[in-house]
Amino acid sequence: MASNHTRGDPYQSCVQVTEDCPVAATVLGYYPNLGSGYFFTIMFGFCLIGTVVLGVSKRTWTFTAALTCGLILETAGYVGRILLSSNPWNNGAFELQICAIILGPTFICVSIYLTLKHIALALNPRLSRLPAVWYPRLFLPADVSCLIVQAIGGGIAAAAGHDNPKLQKTGNQAIIAGVALQVAVLAVFGALGLDYLLRVARWMRTPEARESDGLRVWRSRNFVIFLAAICAAYMCIFIRCIYRIAEMAGGWGNHIMQDEPSFLVLDSSLVLLGSALLTIFHPGIYFPQMRHNAVARRQQRADEKASAKRDANSNAGNETDETRLPASTSQTPPETASKEQV
């Protein structure tokens, strides 16, 4: 894919770097570093394996599913950069890396959003500005909206190819809108999370909290580590999204997009650090209340269904008895019964 500043797109037929198709004319404007490509592919792969193993063993299904999707995309994106390192004109590899690396953190955000609900349930749900169950109900659809907008933008940009800079610009604007929306969603989530933690910190100093289960969770070493990991992972993704807005704002082939060191630091490294924190300090180990809350909620739903079924069966039985009673009495009228006895 050529850069957006080529006139009449003289590089439309370029498939390999030559004198007529210089690397400077590509969107990236450089050969992606092969070593960094292998490094990030392997590290995201390790995180992926660790997440799946821990998620299955600890049964944190939703958290694991979201993080796994993000890590699969990140791993695939750096495979694309490995392919680009030998041929920056490889259009398929470029589309793979740009789409996968842009979309991957959106799924990682989902895993972060899920934690606030369970933290509120474990500490003191009454202190939350919102009912705890509403955190995923609000932020997951919002995050999916970001994903859809970014995916549409990436698809438009990829479909534009080399010969439609106007359509390419439209795709770029959609990607920027999606990332900007993601930053806004993250900011709101961060504000609500910080507000809740400050309220909890004040409440923990009151007499009411002394005998609560929430105080024991709040003071546990594992929870403190888990909370710090979640906050650090959140900041990694937040900073990365801000960088992405600046990178995409200048259009395809701008000077920020063609600066590999800034990309490796502000995107690759930050997303890897956030992913590693979420994997190493897995909630199944450091915040088991997250799994226990989910198990208890599923058991409660199962009990409610069983109770409703028993009530329905009981009501049906009563209706059947009431229906049978007149029928049985009508077979032997009182007068007939008296005559028979006489």
Protein backbone atom coordinates (compact mmCIF):
# COMPACT_ATOMS: atom_id res chain seq x y z
CA MET A 1 0.00 0.00 0.00
CA ALA A 2 1.52 3.30 -1.03
CA SER A 3 1.58 6.41 1.03
CA ASN A 4 -1.16 8.98 0.69
CA HIS A 5 1.07 11.64 -0.76
CA THR A 6 2.00 9.92 -4.02
CA ARG A 7 0.83 11.81 -7.12
CA GLY A 8 -1.22 9.76 -9.57
CA ASP A 9 -0.11 6.72 -7.59
CA PRO A 10 2.91 5.67 -9.69
CA TYR A 11 3.44 2.79 -7.24
CA GLN A 12 0.11 1.07 -7.84
CA SER A 13 1.75 -1.96 -9.42
CA CYS A 14 4.54 -2.25 -6.81
CA VAL A 15 4.83 -5.63 -5.16
CA GLN A 16 8.51 -5.58 -4.17
CA VAL A 17 11.11 -2.99 -3.21
CA THR A 18 13.02 -1.87 -6.31
CA GLU A 19 14.52 1.35 -7.63
CA ASP A 20 11.12 2.24 -9.04
CA CYS A 21 9.32 1.11 -5.88
CA PRO A 22 11.38 2.47 -2.96
CA VAL A 23 10.58 1.54 0.62
CA ALA A 24 10.10 5.24 1.38
CA ALA A 25 6.96 5.20 -0.79
CA THR A 26 5.21 2.61 1.40
CA VAL A 27 2.85 3.63 4.20
CA LEU A 28 5.35 2.66 6.88
CA GLY A 29 8.30 4.06 4.98
CA TYR A 30 10.73 1.54 6.50
CA TYR A 31 11.54 -2.15 6.79
CA PRO A 32 9.92 -3.30 10.07
CA ASN A 33 12.59 -4.61 12.40
CA LEU A 34 12.65 -8.40 12.14
CA GLY A 35 13.95 -8.94 15.67
CA SER A 36 11.18 -6.88 17.24
CA GLY A 37 8.63 -8.70 15.10
CA TYR A 38 9.76 -12.07 16.41
CA PHE A 39 10.04 -10.77 19.98
CA PHE A 40 6.50 -9.42 20.15
CA THR A 41 5.03 -12.41 18.32
CA ILE A 42 6.64 -14.80 20.81
CA MET A 43 5.76 -12.72 23.88
CA PHE A 44 2.13 -12.25 22.89
CA GLY A 45 2.05 -15.97 22.11
CA PHE A 46 3.30 -16.76 25.62
CA CYS A 47 0.65 -14.47 27.09
CA LEU A 48 -1.98 -16.19 24.96
CA ILE A 49 -0.98 -19.66 26.17
CA GLY A 50 -0.82 -18.51 29.79
CA THR A 51 -4.21 -16.82 29.58
CA VAL A 52 -5.91 -19.89 28.11
CA VAL A 53 -4.32 -22.30 30.61
CA LEU A 54 -5.15 -20.13 33.64
CA GLY A 55 -8.60 -19.25 32.34
CA VAL A 56 -9.58 -22.88 31.81
CA SER A 57 -8.10 -24.07 35.11
CA LYS A 58 -9.65 -21.22 37.12
CA ARG A 59 -12.86 -21.05 35.05
CA THR A 60 -12.82 -17.30 34.49
CA TRP A 61 -14.55 -17.76 31.17
CA THR A 62 -15.64 -14.26 30.14
CA PHE A 63 -12.43 -12.54 31.24
CA THR A 64 -10.38 -15.22 29.50
CA ALA A 65 -12.42 -15.11 26.28
CA ALA A 66 -11.99 -11.35 25.91
CA LEU A 67 -8.27 -11.36 26.69
CA THR A 68 -7.69 -14.37 24.43
CA CYS A 69 -9.31 -12.63 21.45
CA GLY A 70 -7.11 -9.58 21.98
CA LEU A 71 -3.94 -11.66 22.27
CA ILE A 72 -4.76 -13.67 19.14
CA LEU A 73 -5.10 -10.44 17.18
CA GLU A 74 -1.88 -9.00 18.61
CA THR A 75 0.04 -12.18 17.78
CA ALA A 76 -1.35 -12.20 14.24
CA GLY A 77 -0.49 -8.52 13.82
CA TYR A 78 3.19 -9.08 14.58
CA VAL A 79 3.28 -12.06 12.24
CA GLY A 80 2.23 -9.50 9.64
CA ARG A 81 5.14 -7.27 10.62
CA ILE A 82 7.54 -10.20 10.29
CA LEU A 83 6.32 -10.66 6.72
CA LEU A 84 6.65 -6.93 6.07
CA SER A 85 10.26 -6.95 7.27
CA SER A 86 11.30 -8.71 4.07
CA ASN A 87 8.87 -6.91 1.78
CA PRO A 88 7.17 -3.67 2.90
CA TRP A 89 5.11 -3.77 -0.32
CA ASN A 90 3.32 -6.95 0.83
CA ASN A 91 -0.21 -5.58 0.87
CA GLY A 92 -1.78 -8.59 2.59
CA ALA A 93 0.78 -8.47 5.40
CA PHE A 94 0.23 -4.72 5.82
CA GLU A 95 -3.54 -5.15 6.08
CA LEU A 96 -3.06 -7.97 8.60
CA GLN A 97 -0.79 -5.97 10.87
CA ILE A 98 -2.73 -2.70 10.69
CA CYS A 99 -6.15 -4.28 11.36
CA ALA A 100 -5.06 -6.81 13.99
CA ILE A 101 -2.87 -4.43 15.99
CA ILE A 102 -5.53 -1.71 15.93
CA LEU A 103 -8.37 -4.02 17.02
CA GLY A 104 -6.51 -6.19 19.56
CA PRO A 105 -6.50 -3.71 22.47
CA THR A 106 -10.26 -3.26 22.14
CA PHE A 107 -10.77 -6.84 23.32
CA ILE A 108 -8.17 -6.38 26.05
CA CYS A 109 -10.23 -3.43 27.30
CA VAL A 110 -13.21 -5.75 27.72
CA SER A 111 -11.28 -7.90 30.19
CA ILE A 112 -10.43 -4.77 32.18
CA TYR A 113 -14.04 -3.54 32.16
CA LEU A 114 -15.25 -6.84 33.63
CA THR A 115 -13.14 -6.47 36.75
CA LEU A 116 -14.82 -3.35 38.18
CA LYS A 117 -18.14 -5.13 38.58
CA HIS A 118 -16.58 -7.93 40.63
CA ILE A 119 -14.42 -5.54 42.65
CA ALA A 120 -17.56 -3.62 43.62
CA LEU A 121 -19.40 -6.83 44.54
CA ALA A 122 -16.48 -8.05 46.65
CA LEU A 123 -15.84 -4.80 48.55
CA ASN A 124 -19.14 -2.97 48.98
CA PRO A 125 -21.63 -2.68 46.11
CA ARG A 126 -23.61 0.00 47.98
CA LEU A 127 -20.76 2.49 47.48
CA SER A 128 -20.84 2.27 43.70
CA ARG A 129 -22.40 5.12 41.73
CA LEU A 130 -23.94 2.49 39.48
CA PRO A 131 -25.30 -0.94 40.35
CA ALA A 132 -22.32 -3.27 39.94
CA VAL A 133 -24.04 -5.35 37.26
CA TRP A 134 -24.38 -2.26 35.07
CA TYR A 135 -20.65 -1.81 34.52
CA PRO A 136 -20.38 -4.59 31.92
CA ARG A 137 -23.84 -3.76 30.56
CA LEU A 138 -22.70 -0.23 29.76
CA PHE A 139 -19.04 -0.58 28.89
CA LEU A 140 -19.11 -3.80 26.88
CA PRO A 141 -21.60 -2.48 24.27
CA ALA A 142 -19.65 0.79 24.18
CA ASP A 143 -16.43 -1.12 23.55
CA VAL A 144 -18.09 -3.22 20.86
CA SER A 145 -19.18 0.03 19.19
CA CYS A 146 -15.55 1.17 19.18
CA LEU A 147 -14.57 -2.16 17.68
CA ILE A 148 -17.17 -1.96 14.93
CA VAL A 149 -16.22 1.60 13.95
CA GLN A 150 -12.51 0.72 13.85
CA ALA A 151 -13.19 -2.49 11.91
CA ILE A 152 -15.26 -0.60 9.34
CA GLY A 153 -12.50 1.98 9.00
CA GLY A 154 -9.85 -0.68 8.59
CA GLY A 155 -11.96 -2.48 6.01
CA ILE A 156 -12.56 0.70 4.02
CA ALA A 157 -8.87 1.62 4.10
CA ALA A 158 -7.87 -1.87 3.01
CA ALA A 159 -10.45 -1.90 0.22
CA ALA A 160 -9.23 1.49 -1.01
CA GLY A 161 -5.93 -0.05 -2.02
CA HIS A 162 -3.43 2.13 -3.82
CA ASP A 163 -5.62 3.96 -6.27
CA ASN A 164 -8.35 5.57 -4.13
CA PRO A 165 -6.83 8.07 -1.69
CA LYS A 166 -10.23 9.63 -0.97
CA LEU A 167 -11.69 6.32 0.18
CA GLN A 168 -8.48 5.61 2.07
CA LYS A 169 -8.90 8.91 3.91
CA THR A 170 -12.48 7.99 4.79
CA GLY A 171 -11.28 4.72 6.30
CA ASN A 172 -8.60 6.57 8.23
CA GLN A 173 -11.16 8.99 9.66
CA ALA A 174 -13.36 6.07 10.75
CA ILE A 175 -10.41 4.48 12.53
CA ILE A 176 -9.64 7.76 14.30
CA ALA A 177 -13.29 8.09 15.35
CA GLY A 178 -13.27 4.54 16.72
CA VAL A 179 -10.06 5.05 18.69
CA ALA A 180 -11.24 8.45 19.97
CA LEU A 181 -14.48 6.84 21.13
CA GLN A 182 -12.44 4.17 22.87
CA VAL A 183 -10.42 6.85 24.69
CA ALA A 184 -13.67 8.49 25.82
CA VAL A 185 -15.08 5.18 27.06
CA LEU A 186 -11.83 4.42 28.87
CA ALA A 187 -11.84 7.87 30.47
CA VAL A 188 -15.39 7.45 31.79
CA PHE A 189 -14.55 3.98 33.07
CA GLY A 190 -11.42 5.27 34.77
CA ALA A 191 -13.33 8.11 36.42
CA LEU A 192 -15.99 5.76 37.77
CA GLY A 193 -13.38 3.27 38.94
CA LEU A 194 -11.31 5.94 40.70
CA ASP A 195 -14.41 7.44 42.31
CA TYR A 196 -15.46 4.03 43.62
CA LEU A 197 -12.03 3.20 45.04
CA LEU A 198 -11.84 6.56 46.83
CA ARG A 199 -15.27 5.99 48.35
CA VAL A 200 -14.25 2.50 49.44
CA ALA A 201 -11.00 3.76 50.95
CA ARG A 202 -12.96 6.23 53.10
CA TRP A 203 -15.53 3.61 54.07
CA MET A 204 -12.85 1.14 55.14
CA ARG A 205 -11.91 3.52 57.98
CA THR A 206 -15.42 3.47 59.46
CA PRO A 207 -16.64 1.17 62.27
CA GLU A 208 -19.15 -0.39 59.87
CA ALA A 209 -16.35 -1.86 57.76
CA ARG A 210 -14.42 -3.51 60.58
CA GLU A 211 -16.25 -6.82 60.51
CA SER A 212 -17.07 -6.84 56.82
CA ASP A 213 -15.82 -9.34 54.26
CA GLY A 214 -14.92 -6.37 52.09
CA LEU A 215 -12.28 -5.21 54.58
CA ARG A 216 -10.59 -8.61 54.50
CA VAL A 217 -10.49 -8.49 50.71
CA TRP A 218 -9.27 -4.87 50.71
CA ARG A 219 -6.37 -5.70 53.03
CA SER A 220 -5.35 -8.95 51.37
CA ARG A 221 -1.97 -8.87 49.66
CA ASN A 222 -3.23 -10.64 46.55
CA PHE A 223 -6.03 -8.15 46.01
CA VAL A 224 -3.66 -5.18 46.36
CA ILE A 225 -1.37 -6.75 43.75
CA PHE A 226 -4.30 -7.50 41.44
CA LEU A 227 -5.70 -3.98 41.76
CA ALA A 228 -2.30 -2.45 40.99
CA ALA A 229 -1.95 -4.71 37.94
CA ILE A 230 -5.39 -3.74 36.63
CA CYS A 231 -4.67 -0.03 37.10
CA ALA A 232 -1.31 -0.32 35.35
CA ALA A 233 -2.82 -2.32 32.47
CA TYR A 234 -5.56 0.30 32.15
CA MET A 235 -2.99 3.11 31.89
CA CYS A 236 -1.00 1.17 29.28
CA ILE A 237 -4.03 0.79 27.01
CA PHE A 238 -5.17 4.37 27.63
CA ILE A 239 -1.80 5.87 26.66
CA ARG A 240 -1.59 3.58 23.64
CA CYS A 241 -5.01 4.78 22.40
CA ILE A 242 -3.96 8.42 22.70
CA TYR A 243 -0.83 7.62 20.68
CA ARG A 244 -2.96 5.92 18.03
CA ILE A 245 -5.11 9.01 17.60
CA ALA A 246 -2.02 11.15 17.04
CA GLU A 247 -0.58 8.54 14.67
CA MET A 248 -3.70 8.24 12.52
CA ALA A 249 -4.57 11.95 12.56
CA GLY A 250 -1.86 12.78 10.02
CA GLY A 251 -3.16 10.30 7.46
CA TRP A 252 -1.47 7.27 5.95
CA GLY A 253 2.26 7.62 5.65
CA ASN A 254 2.62 10.58 8.04
CA HIS A 255 5.83 11.13 9.98
CA ILE A 256 4.50 9.54 13.20
CA MET A 257 3.37 6.42 11.37
CA GLN A 258 6.78 6.16 9.73
CA ASP A 259 8.64 6.37 13.05
CA GLU A 260 9.16 2.77 14.18
CA PRO A 261 10.76 3.50 17.60
CA SER A 262 7.73 5.48 18.77
CA PHE A 263 5.44 2.68 17.58
CA LEU A 264 7.46 0.01 19.39
CA VAL A 265 7.44 2.00 22.63
CA LEU A 266 3.96 3.57 22.67
CA ASP A 267 2.01 0.72 21.07
CA SER A 268 3.85 -2.60 21.05
CA SER A 269 5.52 -2.34 24.46
CA LEU A 270 2.56 -0.77 26.27
CA VAL A 271 0.06 -3.33 24.97
CA LEU A 272 2.46 -6.17 25.77
CA LEU A 273 3.01 -4.84 29.29
CA GLY A 274 -0.73 -4.52 29.87
CA SER A 275 -1.35 -8.02 28.49
CA ALA A 276 1.43 -9.50 30.62
CA LEU A 277 0.03 -7.88 33.77
CA LEU A 278 -3.45 -9.27 33.07
CA THR A 279 -1.97 -12.71 32.41
CA ILE A 280 0.54 -12.96 35.25
CA PHE A 281 -1.73 -11.45 37.88
CA HIS A 282 -4.71 -13.44 36.70
CA PRO A 283 -7.95 -12.91 38.65
CA GLY A 284 -8.35 -16.65 39.08
CA ILE A 285 -5.27 -16.55 41.34
CA TYR A 286 -5.10 -13.02 42.73
CA PHE A 287 -8.81 -12.19 42.84
CA PRO A 288 -10.73 -15.48 43.24
CA GLN A 289 -13.82 -13.54 44.33
CA MET A 290 -14.30 -12.75 40.64
CA ARG A 291 -14.86 -16.43 39.90
CA HIS A 292 -16.80 -17.05 43.10
CA ASN A 293 -19.18 -14.19 42.30
CA ALA A 294 -19.83 -15.66 38.86
CA VAL A 295 -20.36 -19.17 40.27
CA ALA A 296 -22.69 -17.87 42.98
CA ARG A 297 -24.66 -15.88 40.43
CA ARG A 298 -25.05 -18.90 38.15
CA GLN A 299 -26.14 -21.02 41.11
CA GLN A 300 -28.66 -18.37 42.13
CA ARG A 301 -30.12 -18.32 38.62
CA ALA A 302 -30.28 -22.12 38.60
CA ASP A 303 -32.03 -22.14 41.98
CA GLU A 304 -34.51 -19.51 40.80
CA LYS A 305 -35.29 -21.54 37.68
CA ALA A 306 -35.70 -24.72 39.72
CA SER A 307 -37.96 -22.93 42.20
CA ALA A 308 -40.06 -21.46 39.39
CA LYS A 309 -40.35 -24.91 37.81
CA ARG A 310 -41.47 -26.46 41.11
CA ASP A 311 -44.05 -23.71 41.59
CA ALA A 312 -45.32 -24.23 38.05
CA ASN A 313 -45.60 -27.99 38.58
CA SER A 314 -47.34 -27.45 41.92
CA ASN A 315 -49.85 -25.05 40.38
CA ALA A 316 -50.46 -27.45 37.53
CA GLY A 317 -51.07 -30.26 40.03
CA ASN A 318 -53.55 -28.17 41.99
CA GLU A 319 -55.45 -27.28 38.83
CA THR A 320 -55.60 -30.96 37.88
CA ASP A 321 -56.97 -31.93 41.30
CA GLU A 322 -59.58 -29.21 41.12
CA THR A 323 -60.62 -30.43 37.68
CA ARG A 324 -60.87 -34.05 38.80
CA LEU A 325 -62.90 -33.35 41.94
CA PRO A 326 -66.23 -32.38 40.25
CA ALA A 327 -65.84 -35.23 37.81
CA SER A 328 -65.50 -37.83 40.58
CA THR A 329 -68.43 -36.48 42.53
CA SER A 330 -70.60 -36.32 39.42
CA GLN A 331 -70.18 -40.05 38.87
CA THR A 332 -72.00 -40.81 42.13
CA PRO A 333 -74.59 -38.15 42.95
CA PRO A 334 -75.46 -37.78 46.63
CA GLU A 335 -79.05 -38.92 46.11
CA THR A 336 -78.05 -42.06 44.24
CA ALA A 337 -75.49 -42.88 46.86
CA SER A 338 -78.16 -42.63 49.56
CA LYS A 339 -80.53 -44.96 47.71
CA GLU A 340 -77.81 -47.50 47.21
CA GLN A 341 -77.04 -47.46 50.90
CA VAL A 342 -80.71 -47.96 51.76
